[in-house]
Amino acid sequence: MERITKDEAITLENNKEYYVVEIVEQDEKRYLYLVKEEEADVIVAEEIIEGEEIIIETLDDIEKIKEIVKIVTERLNKN
């Protein structure tokens, strides 16, 4: 099984396609910074591995979302 990669396009349960702009690994978890260009929609989600299945679960924790967005913003500003 291949993990999700940066710049990959993925479709979520809402049948909308998002692009993986950045991946943040923290506390043995993998967070995805997802963008849907047409709607300027941004989502932070967690990649969860269960057996051979990859589950993408959007975050509801505002503090964790802010933390991940801050890390991604700092990375993007360095480039």
N, C-alpha and C. Protein backbone atom coordinates (compact mmCIF):
# COMPACT_ATOMS: atom_id res chain seq x y z
N MET A 1 0.84 -1.18 0.00
CA MET A 1 0.00 0.00 0.00
C MET A 1 0.89 1.25 0.00
N GLU A 2 0.55 2.16 -0.89
CA GLU A 2 1.30 3.41 -0.97
C GLU A 2 0.58 4.49 -0.17
N ARG A 3 1.36 5.25 0.58
CA ARG A 3 0.79 6.35 1.35
C ARG A 3 0.47 7.50 0.41
N ILE A 4 -0.34 8.41 0.89
CA ILE A 4 -0.70 9.59 0.12
C ILE A 4 0.53 10.49 0.03
N THR A 5 0.73 11.12 -1.13
CA THR A 5 1.92 11.94 -1.35
C THR A 5 1.54 13.39 -1.66
N LYS A 6 2.50 14.26 -1.44
CA LYS A 6 2.34 15.67 -1.76
C LYS A 6 2.06 15.81 -3.25
N ASP A 7 1.22 16.75 -3.62
CA ASP A 7 0.81 17.04 -5.00
C ASP A 7 -0.16 16.02 -5.59
N GLU A 8 -0.56 15.04 -4.80
CA GLU A 8 -1.51 14.03 -5.26
C GLU A 8 -2.93 14.59 -5.20
N ALA A 9 -3.77 14.19 -6.13
CA ALA A 9 -5.19 14.54 -6.10
C ALA A 9 -5.94 13.39 -5.45
N ILE A 10 -6.80 13.72 -4.47
CA ILE A 10 -7.60 12.69 -3.80
C ILE A 10 -9.06 13.13 -3.76
N THR A 11 -9.96 12.16 -3.74
CA THR A 11 -11.39 12.45 -3.66
C THR A 11 -11.89 12.05 -2.28
N LEU A 12 -12.52 12.97 -1.59
CA LEU A 12 -13.05 12.71 -0.25
C LEU A 12 -14.46 12.15 -0.33
N GLU A 13 -15.01 11.81 0.81
CA GLU A 13 -16.36 11.23 0.87
C GLU A 13 -17.42 12.14 0.27
N ASN A 14 -17.17 13.45 0.25
CA ASN A 14 -18.13 14.39 -0.32
C ASN A 14 -18.05 14.43 -1.85
N ASN A 15 -17.26 13.51 -2.44
CA ASN A 15 -17.05 13.39 -3.89
C ASN A 15 -16.40 14.62 -4.50
N LYS A 16 -15.67 15.40 -3.69
CA LYS A 16 -14.93 16.55 -4.19
C LYS A 16 -13.45 16.21 -4.22
N GLU A 17 -12.79 16.66 -5.28
CA GLU A 17 -11.37 16.38 -5.45
C GLU A 17 -10.53 17.49 -4.81
N TYR A 18 -9.56 17.09 -4.02
CA TYR A 18 -8.65 18.02 -3.35
C TYR A 18 -7.22 17.65 -3.72
N TYR A 19 -6.33 18.64 -3.67
CA TYR A 19 -4.92 18.41 -3.91
C TYR A 19 -4.16 18.48 -2.60
N VAL A 20 -3.23 17.57 -2.41
CA VAL A 20 -2.40 17.54 -1.21
C VAL A 20 -1.28 18.57 -1.40
N VAL A 21 -1.39 19.70 -0.70
CA VAL A 21 -0.40 20.76 -0.81
C VAL A 21 0.80 20.49 0.08
N GLU A 22 0.53 19.93 1.25
CA GLU A 22 1.61 19.67 2.22
C GLU A 22 1.20 18.53 3.14
N ILE A 23 2.20 17.84 3.67
CA ILE A 23 1.99 16.76 4.64
C ILE A 23 2.80 17.10 5.88
N VAL A 24 2.16 17.03 7.04
CA VAL A 24 2.83 17.30 8.31
C VAL A 24 2.77 16.04 9.15
N GLU A 25 3.95 15.55 9.56
CA GLU A 25 4.01 14.39 10.45
C GLU A 25 4.31 14.89 11.85
N GLN A 26 3.43 14.52 12.80
CA GLN A 26 3.55 15.04 14.16
C GLN A 26 2.93 14.03 15.12
N ASP A 27 3.65 13.72 16.19
CA ASP A 27 3.14 12.80 17.22
C ASP A 27 2.66 11.48 16.62
N GLU A 28 3.45 10.94 15.70
CA GLU A 28 3.17 9.67 15.03
C GLU A 28 1.86 9.69 14.22
N LYS A 29 1.43 10.88 13.85
CA LYS A 29 0.25 11.04 12.99
C LYS A 29 0.66 11.80 11.74
N ARG A 30 -0.13 11.64 10.69
CA ARG A 30 0.14 12.29 9.41
C ARG A 30 -1.04 13.16 9.06
N TYR A 31 -0.79 14.47 8.93
CA TYR A 31 -1.84 15.42 8.61
C TYR A 31 -1.67 15.92 7.18
N LEU A 32 -2.78 16.06 6.49
CA LEU A 32 -2.78 16.50 5.10
C LEU A 32 -3.40 17.88 5.00
N TYR A 33 -2.72 18.78 4.31
CA TYR A 33 -3.25 20.12 4.04
C TYR A 33 -3.80 20.05 2.62
N LEU A 34 -5.12 20.07 2.50
CA LEU A 34 -5.80 19.83 1.23
C LEU A 34 -6.44 21.10 0.70
N VAL A 35 -6.35 21.30 -0.61
CA VAL A 35 -6.94 22.48 -1.24
C VAL A 35 -7.78 22.06 -2.44
N LYS A 36 -8.97 22.64 -2.53
CA LYS A 36 -9.82 22.47 -3.72
C LYS A 36 -9.79 23.80 -4.43
N GLU A 37 -9.06 23.86 -5.53
CA GLU A 37 -8.76 25.12 -6.22
C GLU A 37 -9.99 25.87 -6.70
N GLU A 38 -10.93 25.17 -7.30
CA GLU A 38 -12.08 25.86 -7.91
C GLU A 38 -12.88 26.66 -6.89
N GLU A 39 -12.91 26.19 -5.65
CA GLU A 39 -13.73 26.83 -4.63
C GLU A 39 -12.90 27.51 -3.55
N ALA A 40 -11.58 27.53 -3.71
CA ALA A 40 -10.67 28.09 -2.71
C ALA A 40 -10.98 27.49 -1.33
N ASP A 41 -11.23 26.20 -1.31
CA ASP A 41 -11.60 25.48 -0.10
C ASP A 41 -10.35 24.79 0.45
N VAL A 42 -10.08 24.96 1.74
CA VAL A 42 -8.93 24.34 2.39
C VAL A 42 -9.42 23.45 3.52
N ILE A 43 -8.85 22.25 3.59
CA ILE A 43 -9.20 21.30 4.64
C ILE A 43 -7.91 20.74 5.23
N VAL A 44 -7.92 20.53 6.54
CA VAL A 44 -6.84 19.81 7.20
C VAL A 44 -7.42 18.47 7.63
N ALA A 45 -6.74 17.40 7.24
CA ALA A 45 -7.25 16.06 7.53
C ALA A 45 -6.13 15.18 8.05
N GLU A 46 -6.52 14.09 8.68
CA GLU A 46 -5.55 13.11 9.16
C GLU A 46 -5.62 11.88 8.28
N GLU A 47 -4.46 11.37 7.90
CA GLU A 47 -4.39 10.11 7.16
C GLU A 47 -4.28 8.98 8.19
N ILE A 48 -5.23 8.06 8.15
CA ILE A 48 -5.26 6.95 9.11
C ILE A 48 -5.15 5.64 8.33
N ILE A 49 -4.22 4.79 8.77
CA ILE A 49 -4.04 3.48 8.13
C ILE A 49 -4.74 2.44 9.00
N GLU A 50 -5.67 1.72 8.41
CA GLU A 50 -6.34 0.61 9.09
C GLU A 50 -6.21 -0.62 8.21
N GLY A 51 -5.29 -1.50 8.58
CA GLY A 51 -5.04 -2.68 7.76
C GLY A 51 -4.46 -2.26 6.43
N GLU A 52 -5.15 -2.58 5.36
CA GLU A 52 -4.71 -2.21 4.01
C GLU A 52 -5.46 -0.99 3.48
N GLU A 53 -6.23 -0.35 4.33
CA GLU A 53 -7.08 0.76 3.92
C GLU A 53 -6.54 2.09 4.44
N ILE A 54 -6.61 3.12 3.60
CA ILE A 54 -6.25 4.48 4.00
C ILE A 54 -7.55 5.25 4.20
N ILE A 55 -7.70 5.84 5.38
CA ILE A 55 -8.88 6.63 5.71
C ILE A 55 -8.45 8.07 5.87
N ILE A 56 -9.18 8.99 5.25
CA ILE A 56 -8.92 10.42 5.39
C ILE A 56 -10.03 11.00 6.25
N GLU A 57 -9.64 11.49 7.43
CA GLU A 57 -10.62 12.03 8.37
C GLU A 57 -10.35 13.52 8.57
N THR A 58 -11.31 14.36 8.21
CA THR A 58 -11.12 15.80 8.38
C THR A 58 -11.10 16.15 9.86
N LEU A 59 -10.29 17.14 10.20
CA LEU A 59 -10.16 17.54 11.60
C LEU A 59 -11.26 18.52 11.99
N ASP A 60 -11.73 18.39 13.23
CA ASP A 60 -12.70 19.32 13.80
C ASP A 60 -12.07 20.17 14.90
N ASP A 61 -10.92 19.73 15.41
CA ASP A 61 -10.23 20.41 16.50
C ASP A 61 -9.58 21.70 15.98
N ILE A 62 -10.18 22.84 16.30
CA ILE A 62 -9.73 24.13 15.79
C ILE A 62 -8.27 24.41 16.18
N GLU A 63 -7.89 24.07 17.39
CA GLU A 63 -6.51 24.33 17.83
C GLU A 63 -5.51 23.50 17.01
N LYS A 64 -5.84 22.24 16.73
CA LYS A 64 -4.96 21.39 15.93
C LYS A 64 -4.90 21.90 14.49
N ILE A 65 -6.02 22.35 13.96
CA ILE A 65 -6.05 22.92 12.61
C ILE A 65 -5.15 24.14 12.54
N LYS A 66 -5.25 25.04 13.52
CA LYS A 66 -4.40 26.24 13.55
C LYS A 66 -2.93 25.86 13.60
N GLU A 67 -2.61 24.85 14.40
CA GLU A 67 -1.22 24.40 14.54
C GLU A 67 -0.68 23.88 13.21
N ILE A 68 -1.46 23.06 12.52
CA ILE A 68 -1.03 22.50 11.24
C ILE A 68 -0.93 23.60 10.18
N VAL A 69 -1.89 24.50 10.15
CA VAL A 69 -1.86 25.61 9.18
C VAL A 69 -0.63 26.48 9.40
N LYS A 70 -0.27 26.72 10.64
CA LYS A 70 0.92 27.52 10.96
C LYS A 70 2.18 26.84 10.42
N ILE A 71 2.30 25.54 10.64
CA ILE A 71 3.46 24.79 10.15
C ILE A 71 3.52 24.85 8.63
N VAL A 72 2.40 24.63 7.97
CA VAL A 72 2.35 24.66 6.50
C VAL A 72 2.70 26.04 5.98
N THR A 73 2.16 27.08 6.59
CA THR A 73 2.43 28.45 6.16
C THR A 73 3.92 28.77 6.28
N GLU A 74 4.52 28.36 7.39
CA GLU A 74 5.96 28.59 7.55
C GLU A 74 6.76 27.88 6.48
N ARG A 75 6.40 26.64 6.16
CA ARG A 75 7.09 25.89 5.11
C ARG A 75 6.94 26.56 3.75
N LEU A 76 5.72 26.98 3.44
CA LEU A 76 5.48 27.60 2.14
C LEU A 76 6.18 28.93 2.01
N ASN A 77 6.32 29.68 3.10
CA ASN A 77 7.01 30.97 3.07
C ASN A 77 8.51 30.81 2.88
N LYS A 78 9.06 29.65 3.25
CA LYS A 78 10.51 29.39 3.06
C LYS A 78 10.83 29.12 1.60
N ASN A 79 9.84 28.67 0.84
CA ASN A 79 10.07 28.32 -0.57
C ASN A 79 9.95 29.50 -1.48
